[in-house]
Amino acid sequence: MITIKSDSQIAYMRRANLIVRDTLDLLREHTKPGVSTLELDKLAYEYILSQNAKPSFLHYNGFPASICVSVDCEVVHGIPSARKILREGQIVSYDCGAIYNGWHGDAARTVAVGLISSERQQLIDVTEQCFFKGVQSIVAGKTRLGDLGNVIQTYAESFGYGVVRELVGHGIGRQMHEDPEVPNFGIPGHGMRLSEGMTIAVEPMITMGTEQVDWMEDGWTVKTRDRKPAAHYENTIAITSNGIEILSL
């Protein structure tokens, strides 16, 4: 069921998303070779609590951490660990959620660990650009999910990249995952129309090679099947009478 949010409800979501944004900025500042992903998870946990919020991901369907930390070929849902140490030249995706006054925020960023190759930097940049090109195409009451997905897909594939099919964006509000599903691929003119009052998480997951993925034995971590790098960029957006507001920027 699609839930339409009021201005006051979007205000709570705005606060939740700004906490997420600031958490991601903090994680970026502490991203360097030699840091364990468990240290980064603790940093995020303590910051979110300091803002009178709660981590959305902690214990969500049994997930054991406050953030997802996905390195190189890990697309999403990487589990932080003391043994998972960042190394020079890697790329790392942080996915973070926070609950404030019962409302969720959700966003993700992929960042460099030290100096990285130009190929990896381009993957990060194009994934972020996919988000903005998609969101900028939305017109309330006119744009369909297939239109949005097609914009993202077409741009990513113009660089020869893969667009993950088995993982998609989602509606968000009092629940972290609500209807509708928001694919990063699609056929123009197909799917439901995006209307005023909807809040959705748009999150391109783009790979340097195949679009196919594998689930690991931990039940969470998703890797590219060819083990080539992947990038992830996400923000929660609100579709308002004044246009599109990116709540986590």
C-alpha atoms as a PDB file:
ATOM      1  CA  MET A   1       0.000   0.000   0.000  1.00  0.00           C
ATOM      2  CA  ILE A   2       1.290   3.448  -0.926  1.00  0.00           C
ATOM      3  CA  THR A   3       1.311   5.937   1.954  1.00  0.00           C
ATOM      4  CA  ILE A   4       0.972   9.657   1.213  1.00  0.00           C
ATOM      5  CA  LYS A   5       2.735  11.900   3.735  1.00  0.00           C
ATOM      6  CA  SER A   6       1.659  15.271   5.088  1.00  0.00           C
ATOM      7  CA  ASP A   7       4.007  18.242   5.372  1.00  0.00           C
ATOM      8  CA  SER A   8       4.454  17.612   9.105  1.00  0.00           C
ATOM      9  CA  GLN A   9       5.303  13.970   8.515  1.00  0.00           C
ATOM     10  CA  ILE A  10       7.819  14.905   5.838  1.00  0.00           C
ATOM     11  CA  ALA A  11       9.380  17.295   8.357  1.00  0.00           C
ATOM     12  CA  TYR A  12      10.096  14.356  10.693  1.00  0.00           C
ATOM     13  CA  MET A  13      11.520  12.428   7.767  1.00  0.00           C
ATOM     14  CA  ARG A  14      13.672  15.408   6.869  1.00  0.00           C
ATOM     15  CA  ARG A  15      15.206  15.353  10.335  1.00  0.00           C
ATOM     16  CA  ALA A  16      15.824  11.593  10.161  1.00  0.00           C
ATOM     17  CA  ASN A  17      17.479  11.971   6.788  1.00  0.00           C
ATOM     18  CA  LEU A  18      19.725  14.828   7.885  1.00  0.00           C
ATOM     19  CA  ILE A  19      20.975  12.578  10.677  1.00  0.00           C
ATOM     20  CA  VAL A  20      21.705   9.937   8.051  1.00  0.00           C
ATOM     21  CA  ARG A  21      23.469  12.499   5.854  1.00  0.00           C
ATOM     22  CA  ASP A  22      25.672  13.654   8.715  1.00  0.00           C
ATOM     23  CA  THR A  23      26.458  10.065   9.690  1.00  0.00           C
ATOM     24  CA  LEU A  24      27.587   9.336   6.132  1.00  0.00           C
ATOM     25  CA  ASP A  25      29.743  12.480   6.129  1.00  0.00           C
ATOM     26  CA  LEU A  26      31.338  11.306   9.373  1.00  0.00           C
ATOM     27  CA  LEU A  27      32.035   7.888   7.884  1.00  0.00           C
ATOM     28  CA  ARG A  28      33.629   9.499   4.817  1.00  0.00           C
ATOM     29  CA  GLU A  29      35.945  11.521   7.053  1.00  0.00           C
ATOM     30  CA  HIS A  30      37.113   8.356   8.817  1.00  0.00           C
ATOM     31  CA  THR A  31      37.538   6.246   5.687  1.00  0.00           C
ATOM     32  CA  LYS A  32      41.227   5.420   5.378  1.00  0.00           C
ATOM     33  CA  PRO A  33      43.473   2.391   4.984  1.00  0.00           C
ATOM     34  CA  GLY A  34      43.838   0.326   8.148  1.00  0.00           C
ATOM     35  CA  VAL A  35      40.433   1.153   9.643  1.00  0.00           C
ATOM     36  CA  SER A  36      38.204  -1.794  10.479  1.00  0.00           C
ATOM     37  CA  THR A  37      34.624  -1.727   9.308  1.00  0.00           C
ATOM     38  CA  LEU A  38      33.561  -2.571  12.860  1.00  0.00           C
ATOM     39  CA  GLU A  39      35.153   0.677  14.063  1.00  0.00           C
ATOM     40  CA  LEU A  40      33.132   2.552  11.471  1.00  0.00           C
ATOM     41  CA  ASP A  41      29.941   0.808  12.543  1.00  0.00           C
ATOM     42  CA  LYS A  42      30.551   1.835  16.150  1.00  0.00           C
ATOM     43  CA  LEU A  43      31.154   5.416  15.054  1.00  0.00           C
ATOM     44  CA  ALA A  44      27.842   5.488  13.194  1.00  0.00           C
ATOM     45  CA  TYR A  45      25.944   3.858  16.080  1.00  0.00           C
ATOM     46  CA  GLU A  46      27.209   6.363  18.639  1.00  0.00           C
ATOM     47  CA  TYR A  47      26.522   9.364  16.411  1.00  0.00           C
ATOM     48  CA  ILE A  48      22.960   8.316  15.566  1.00  0.00           C
ATOM     49  CA  LEU A  49      22.151   7.776  19.240  1.00  0.00           C
ATOM     50  CA  SER A  50      23.648  11.189  20.091  1.00  0.00           C
ATOM     51  CA  GLN A  51      21.037  12.755  17.796  1.00  0.00           C
ATOM     52  CA  ASN A  52      18.120  11.174  19.705  1.00  0.00           C
ATOM     53  CA  ALA A  53      17.580   8.710  16.889  1.00  0.00           C
ATOM     54  CA  LYS A  54      17.981   4.956  16.434  1.00  0.00           C
ATOM     55  CA  PRO A  55      19.792   3.016  13.694  1.00  0.00           C
ATOM     56  CA  SER A  56      17.190   1.627  11.298  1.00  0.00           C
ATOM     57  CA  PHE A  57      19.302  -1.357  10.306  1.00  0.00           C
ATOM     58  CA  LEU A  58      20.337  -2.681  13.720  1.00  0.00           C
ATOM     59  CA  HIS A  59      18.465  -5.995  14.247  1.00  0.00           C
ATOM     60  CA  TYR A  60      16.300  -5.338  11.163  1.00  0.00           C
ATOM     61  CA  ASN A  61      15.305  -8.879  10.161  1.00  0.00           C
ATOM     62  CA  GLY A  62      18.290  -9.999  12.214  1.00  0.00           C
ATOM     63  CA  PHE A  63      20.933  -7.729  10.656  1.00  0.00           C
ATOM     64  CA  PRO A  64      23.703  -7.473  13.280  1.00  0.00           C
ATOM     65  CA  ALA A  65      25.008  -3.924  12.706  1.00  0.00           C
ATOM     66  CA  SER A  66      23.981  -0.269  12.473  1.00  0.00           C
ATOM     67  CA  ILE A  67      25.267   0.277   8.929  1.00  0.00           C
ATOM     68  CA  CYS A  68      25.991  -1.826   5.864  1.00  0.00           C
ATOM     69  CA  VAL A  69      29.626  -1.619   4.748  1.00  0.00           C
ATOM     70  CA  SER A  70      30.213  -3.126   1.303  1.00  0.00           C
ATOM     71  CA  VAL A  71      33.733  -3.243  -0.138  1.00  0.00           C
ATOM     72  CA  ASP A  72      34.741  -3.507  -3.821  1.00  0.00           C
ATOM     73  CA  CYS A  73      32.653  -6.330  -5.365  1.00  0.00           C
ATOM     74  CA  GLU A  74      30.138  -6.275  -2.495  1.00  0.00           C
ATOM     75  CA  VAL A  75      27.078  -4.512  -3.877  1.00  0.00           C
ATOM     76  CA  VAL A  76      25.096  -4.091  -0.644  1.00  0.00           C
ATOM     77  CA  HIS A  77      24.495  -5.442   2.874  1.00  0.00           C
ATOM     78  CA  GLY A  78      28.127  -6.020   3.817  1.00  0.00           C
ATOM     79  CA  ILE A  79      28.422  -6.829   7.539  1.00  0.00           C
ATOM     80  CA  PRO A  80      30.987  -4.817   9.538  1.00  0.00           C
ATOM     81  CA  SER A  81      33.712  -6.884  11.191  1.00  0.00           C
ATOM     82  CA  ALA A  82      36.911  -6.372  13.173  1.00  0.00           C
ATOM     83  CA  ARG A  83      38.618  -8.563  10.578  1.00  0.00           C
ATOM     84  CA  LYS A  84      37.325  -6.562   7.637  1.00  0.00           C
ATOM     85  CA  ILE A  85      40.048  -3.910   7.284  1.00  0.00           C
ATOM     86  CA  LEU A  86      39.976  -1.227   4.597  1.00  0.00           C
ATOM     87  CA  ARG A  87      42.918  -1.165   2.190  1.00  0.00           C
ATOM     88  CA  GLU A  88      44.386   1.481  -0.097  1.00  0.00           C
ATOM     89  CA  GLY A  89      42.755   1.502  -3.515  1.00  0.00           C
ATOM     90  CA  GLN A  90      39.458  -0.075  -2.491  1.00  0.00           C
ATOM     91  CA  ILE A  91      36.034   1.502  -2.803  1.00  0.00           C
ATOM     92  CA  VAL A  92      33.548   1.168   0.041  1.00  0.00           C
ATOM     93  CA  SER A  93      29.783   1.684   0.070  1.00  0.00           C
ATOM     94  CA  TYR A  94      28.064   2.837   3.245  1.00  0.00           C
ATOM     95  CA  ASP A  95      24.311   2.337   3.557  1.00  0.00           C
ATOM     96  CA  CYS A  96      22.762   3.999   6.599  1.00  0.00           C
ATOM     97  CA  GLY A  97      19.304   4.437   8.083  1.00  0.00           C
ATOM     98  CA  ALA A  98      17.985   6.308  11.114  1.00  0.00           C
ATOM     99  CA  ILE A  99      14.627   6.475  12.891  1.00  0.00           C
ATOM    100  CA  TYR A 100      13.582   9.831  14.348  1.00  0.00           C
ATOM    101  CA  ASN A 101      10.243  10.146  16.150  1.00  0.00           C
ATOM    102  CA  GLY A 102       9.052   7.008  14.386  1.00  0.00           C
ATOM    103  CA  TRP A 103      10.055   8.098  10.872  1.00  0.00           C
ATOM    104  CA  HIS A 104      12.867   6.671   8.769  1.00  0.00           C
ATOM    105  CA  GLY A 105      15.690   8.157   6.744  1.00  0.00           C
ATOM    106  CA  ASP A 106      17.832   6.117   4.341  1.00  0.00           C
ATOM    107  CA  ALA A 107      20.827   6.990   2.159  1.00  0.00           C
ATOM    108  CA  ALA A 108      24.028   5.465   0.786  1.00  0.00           C
ATOM    109  CA  ARG A 109      27.382   6.663  -0.542  1.00  0.00           C
ATOM    110  CA  THR A 110      30.374   4.979  -2.188  1.00  0.00           C
ATOM    111  CA  VAL A 111      33.757   6.497  -1.340  1.00  0.00           C
ATOM    112  CA  ALA A 112      37.423   5.889  -2.076  1.00  0.00           C
ATOM    113  CA  VAL A 113      39.861   4.346   0.370  1.00  0.00           C
ATOM    114  CA  GLY A 114      42.978   6.436  -0.197  1.00  0.00           C
ATOM    115  CA  LEU A 115      44.041   6.709  -3.825  1.00  0.00           C
ATOM    116  CA  ILE A 116      41.975   4.698  -6.298  1.00  0.00           C
ATOM    117  CA  SER A 117      42.155   4.059 -10.032  1.00  0.00           C
ATOM    118  CA  SER A 118      40.464   6.385 -12.502  1.00  0.00           C
ATOM    119  CA  GLU A 119      38.212   3.478 -13.537  1.00  0.00           C
ATOM    120  CA  ARG A 120      36.922   3.070 -10.006  1.00  0.00           C
ATOM    121  CA  GLN A 121      36.449   6.799  -9.570  1.00  0.00           C
ATOM    122  CA  GLN A 122      34.410   6.936 -12.761  1.00  0.00           C
ATOM    123  CA  LEU A 123      32.175   4.133 -11.472  1.00  0.00           C
ATOM    124  CA  ILE A 124      31.531   6.110  -8.270  1.00  0.00           C
ATOM    125  CA  ASP A 125      30.842   9.309 -10.203  1.00  0.00           C
ATOM    126  CA  VAL A 126      28.519   7.734 -12.768  1.00  0.00           C
ATOM    127  CA  THR A 127      26.514   5.949 -10.053  1.00  0.00           C
ATOM    128  CA  GLU A 128      25.926   9.275  -8.302  1.00  0.00           C
ATOM    129  CA  GLN A 129      25.047  10.927 -11.614  1.00  0.00           C
ATOM    130  CA  CYS A 130      22.524   8.136 -12.277  1.00  0.00           C
ATOM    131  CA  PHE A 131      20.654   9.174  -9.144  1.00  0.00           C
ATOM    132  CA  PHE A 132      20.520  12.860 -10.023  1.00  0.00           C
ATOM    133  CA  LYS A 133      19.574  12.296 -13.658  1.00  0.00           C
ATOM    134  CA  GLY A 134      16.781  10.008 -12.527  1.00  0.00           C
ATOM    135  CA  VAL A 135      15.425  12.293  -9.832  1.00  0.00           C
ATOM    136  CA  GLN A 136      15.626  15.392 -12.026  1.00  0.00           C
ATOM    137  CA  SER A 137      13.374  13.647 -14.549  1.00  0.00           C
ATOM    138  CA  ILE A 138      10.488  13.252 -12.069  1.00  0.00           C
ATOM    139  CA  VAL A 139       7.347  15.328 -12.611  1.00  0.00           C
ATOM    140  CA  ALA A 140       4.654  14.692 -10.017  1.00  0.00           C
ATOM    141  CA  GLY A 141       1.588  13.048 -11.494  1.00  0.00           C
ATOM    142  CA  LYS A 142       3.268  12.384 -14.836  1.00  0.00           C
ATOM    143  CA  THR A 143       6.440  10.358 -14.344  1.00  0.00           C
ATOM    144  CA  ARG A 144       6.011   6.605 -14.039  1.00  0.00           C
ATOM    145  CA  LEU A 145       8.348   4.191 -12.269  1.00  0.00           C
ATOM    146  CA  GLY A 146       9.375   2.790 -15.646  1.00  0.00           C
ATOM    147  CA  ASP A 147      10.347   6.276 -16.818  1.00  0.00           C
ATOM    148  CA  LEU A 148      12.541   6.852 -13.754  1.00  0.00           C
ATOM    149  CA  GLY A 149      14.167   3.442 -13.996  1.00  0.00           C
ATOM    150  CA  ASN A 150      14.828   3.837 -17.699  1.00  0.00           C
ATOM    151  CA  VAL A 151      16.661   7.139 -17.204  1.00  0.00           C
ATOM    152  CA  ILE A 152      18.979   5.513 -14.659  1.00  0.00           C
ATOM    153  CA  GLN A 153      19.474   2.374 -16.730  1.00  0.00           C
ATOM    154  CA  THR A 154      20.153   4.191 -19.992  1.00  0.00           C
ATOM    155  CA  TYR A 155      22.762   6.468 -18.443  1.00  0.00           C
ATOM    156  CA  ALA A 156      24.605   3.664 -16.645  1.00  0.00           C
ATOM    157  CA  GLU A 157      24.607   1.378 -19.663  1.00  0.00           C
ATOM    158  CA  SER A 158      25.981   4.174 -21.872  1.00  0.00           C
ATOM    159  CA  PHE A 159      29.240   3.663 -19.950  1.00  0.00           C
ATOM    160  CA  GLY A 160      29.118  -0.106 -20.403  1.00  0.00           C
ATOM    161  CA  TYR A 161      28.126  -0.667 -16.771  1.00  0.00           C
ATOM    162  CA  GLY A 162      25.708  -3.229 -15.374  1.00  0.00           C
ATOM    163  CA  VAL A 163      22.493  -2.269 -13.564  1.00  0.00           C
ATOM    164  CA  VAL A 164      21.580  -4.708 -10.801  1.00  0.00           C
ATOM    165  CA  ARG A 165      18.096  -6.145 -11.328  1.00  0.00           C
ATOM    166  CA  GLU A 166      17.602  -8.184  -8.148  1.00  0.00           C
ATOM    167  CA  LEU A 167      17.867  -5.214  -5.768  1.00  0.00           C
ATOM    168  CA  VAL A 168      15.768  -2.055  -6.033  1.00  0.00           C
ATOM    169  CA  GLY A 169      14.797   1.136  -4.242  1.00  0.00           C
ATOM    170  CA  HIS A 170      11.620   1.441  -2.210  1.00  0.00           C
ATOM    171  CA  GLY A 171       9.007   3.562  -0.562  1.00  0.00           C
ATOM    172  CA  ILE A 172       9.875   4.756   2.932  1.00  0.00           C
ATOM    173  CA  GLY A 173       8.132   6.385   5.886  1.00  0.00           C
ATOM    174  CA  ARG A 174       7.098   4.848   9.197  1.00  0.00           C
ATOM    175  CA  GLN A 175       8.573   1.651   7.803  1.00  0.00           C
ATOM    176  CA  MET A 176      12.005   1.486   6.238  1.00  0.00           C
ATOM    177  CA  HIS A 177      10.680  -0.519   3.301  1.00  0.00           C
ATOM    178  CA  GLU A 178       7.261   0.437   1.987  1.00  0.00           C
ATOM    179  CA  ASP A 179       5.535   0.232  -1.375  1.00  0.00           C
ATOM    180  CA  PRO A 180       6.325   0.844  -4.140  1.00  0.00           C
ATOM    181  CA  GLU A 181       9.451  -0.934  -5.305  1.00  0.00           C
ATOM    182  CA  VAL A 182      11.621   1.539  -7.243  1.00  0.00           C
ATOM    183  CA  PRO A 183      13.742  -0.271  -9.866  1.00  0.00           C
ATOM    184  CA  ASN A 184      16.842   1.251 -11.456  1.00  0.00           C
ATOM    185  CA  PHE A 185      15.714  -0.086 -14.831  1.00  0.00           C
ATOM    186  CA  GLY A 186      12.465   0.017 -16.716  1.00  0.00           C
ATOM    187  CA  ILE A 187      10.399   0.656 -19.812  1.00  0.00           C
ATOM    188  CA  PRO A 188       9.151   4.212 -20.422  1.00  0.00           C
ATOM    189  CA  GLY A 189       5.417   4.592 -19.921  1.00  0.00           C
ATOM    190  CA  HIS A 190       5.139   1.562 -17.645  1.00  0.00           C
ATOM    191  CA  GLY A 191       4.525   1.354 -13.899  1.00  0.00           C
ATOM    192  CA  MET A 192       2.608   3.513 -11.442  1.00  0.00           C
ATOM    193  CA  ARG A 193       2.745   7.285 -11.562  1.00  0.00           C
ATOM    194  CA  LEU A 194       4.760   9.110  -8.910  1.00  0.00           C
ATOM    195  CA  SER A 195       2.468  11.544  -7.121  1.00  0.00           C
ATOM    196  CA  GLU A 196       2.652  14.398  -4.626  1.00  0.00           C
ATOM    197  CA  GLY A 197       3.125  13.251  -1.047  1.00  0.00           C
ATOM    198  CA  MET A 198       5.051  10.109  -1.906  1.00  0.00           C
ATOM    199  CA  THR A 199       8.444   9.504  -0.277  1.00  0.00           C
ATOM    200  CA  ILE A 200      10.811   7.039  -1.928  1.00  0.00           C
ATOM    201  CA  ALA A 201      14.414   5.910  -1.670  1.00  0.00           C
ATOM    202  CA  VAL A 202      16.083   6.008  -5.079  1.00  0.00           C
ATOM    203  CA  GLU A 203      19.283   3.970  -5.031  1.00  0.00           C
ATOM    204  CA  PRO A 204      21.227   3.079  -8.176  1.00  0.00           C
ATOM    205  CA  MET A 205      23.424  -0.016  -7.693  1.00  0.00           C
ATOM    206  CA  ILE A 206      25.818  -0.058 -10.630  1.00  0.00           C
ATOM    207  CA  THR A 207      28.538  -2.561 -11.493  1.00  0.00           C
ATOM    208  CA  MET A 208      31.726  -2.392 -13.541  1.00  0.00           C
ATOM    209  CA  GLY A 209      30.834  -5.694 -15.190  1.00  0.00           C
ATOM    210  CA  THR A 210      27.890  -8.062 -15.076  1.00  0.00           C
ATOM    211  CA  GLU A 211      24.541  -7.085 -13.611  1.00  0.00           C
ATOM    212  CA  GLN A 212      24.263 -10.550 -12.040  1.00  0.00           C
ATOM    213  CA  VAL A 213      24.841 -10.999  -8.319  1.00  0.00           C
ATOM    214  CA  ASP A 214      25.353 -13.739  -5.721  1.00  0.00           C
ATOM    215  CA  TRP A 215      24.170 -13.928  -2.105  1.00  0.00           C
ATOM    216  CA  MET A 216      26.851 -15.025   0.355  1.00  0.00           C
ATOM    217  CA  GLU A 217      26.510 -17.679   3.040  1.00  0.00           C
ATOM    218  CA  ASP A 218      26.009 -15.046   5.768  1.00  0.00           C
ATOM    219  CA  GLY A 219      22.559 -14.476   4.270  1.00  0.00           C
ATOM    220  CA  TRP A 220      23.151 -10.749   3.775  1.00  0.00           C
ATOM    221  CA  THR A 221      26.172  -9.809   1.693  1.00  0.00           C
ATOM    222  CA  VAL A 222      25.512  -9.487  -2.043  1.00  0.00           C
ATOM    223  CA  LYS A 223      28.476  -9.617  -4.452  1.00  0.00           C
ATOM    224  CA  THR A 224      28.798  -9.174  -8.187  1.00  0.00           C
ATOM    225  CA  ARG A 225      28.957 -12.569  -9.863  1.00  0.00           C
ATOM    226  CA  ASP A 226      32.126 -11.659 -11.778  1.00  0.00           C
ATOM    227  CA  ARG A 227      33.587 -10.074  -8.605  1.00  0.00           C
ATOM    228  CA  LYS A 228      34.164  -6.742 -10.338  1.00  0.00           C
ATOM    229  CA  PRO A 229      33.583  -3.547  -8.300  1.00  0.00           C
ATOM    230  CA  ALA A 230      30.130  -2.112  -7.639  1.00  0.00           C
ATOM    231  CA  ALA A 231      28.961   1.300  -6.423  1.00  0.00           C
ATOM    232  CA  HIS A 232      25.824   2.410  -4.595  1.00  0.00           C
ATOM    233  CA  TYR A 233      24.327   5.890  -4.234  1.00  0.00           C
ATOM    234  CA  GLU A 234      21.015   6.572  -2.492  1.00  0.00           C
ATOM    235  CA  ASN A 235      18.891   9.369  -1.109  1.00  0.00           C
ATOM    236  CA  THR A 236      15.374   9.581   0.258  1.00  0.00           C
ATOM    237  CA  ILE A 237      13.243  12.014  -1.734  1.00  0.00           C
ATOM    238  CA  ALA A 238       9.857  13.619  -1.169  1.00  0.00           C
ATOM    239  CA  ILE A 239       7.584  14.536  -4.065  1.00  0.00           C
ATOM    240  CA  THR A 240       6.003  17.838  -2.999  1.00  0.00           C
ATOM    241  CA  SER A 241       3.885  20.633  -4.446  1.00  0.00           C
ATOM    242  CA  ASN A 242       7.127  22.575  -4.919  1.00  0.00           C
ATOM    243  CA  GLY A 243       8.882  19.781  -6.786  1.00  0.00           C
ATOM    244  CA  ILE A 244      11.324  17.116  -5.668  1.00  0.00           C
ATOM    245  CA  GLU A 245      13.065  17.522  -2.319  1.00  0.00           C
ATOM    246  CA  ILE A 246      16.093  15.375  -1.589  1.00  0.00           C
ATOM    247  CA  LEU A 247      15.703  14.880   2.149  1.00  0.00           C
ATOM    248  CA  SER A 248      19.145  13.380   2.783  1.00  0.00           C
ATOM    249  CA  LEU A 249      21.130  16.264   1.247  1.00  0.00           C
END
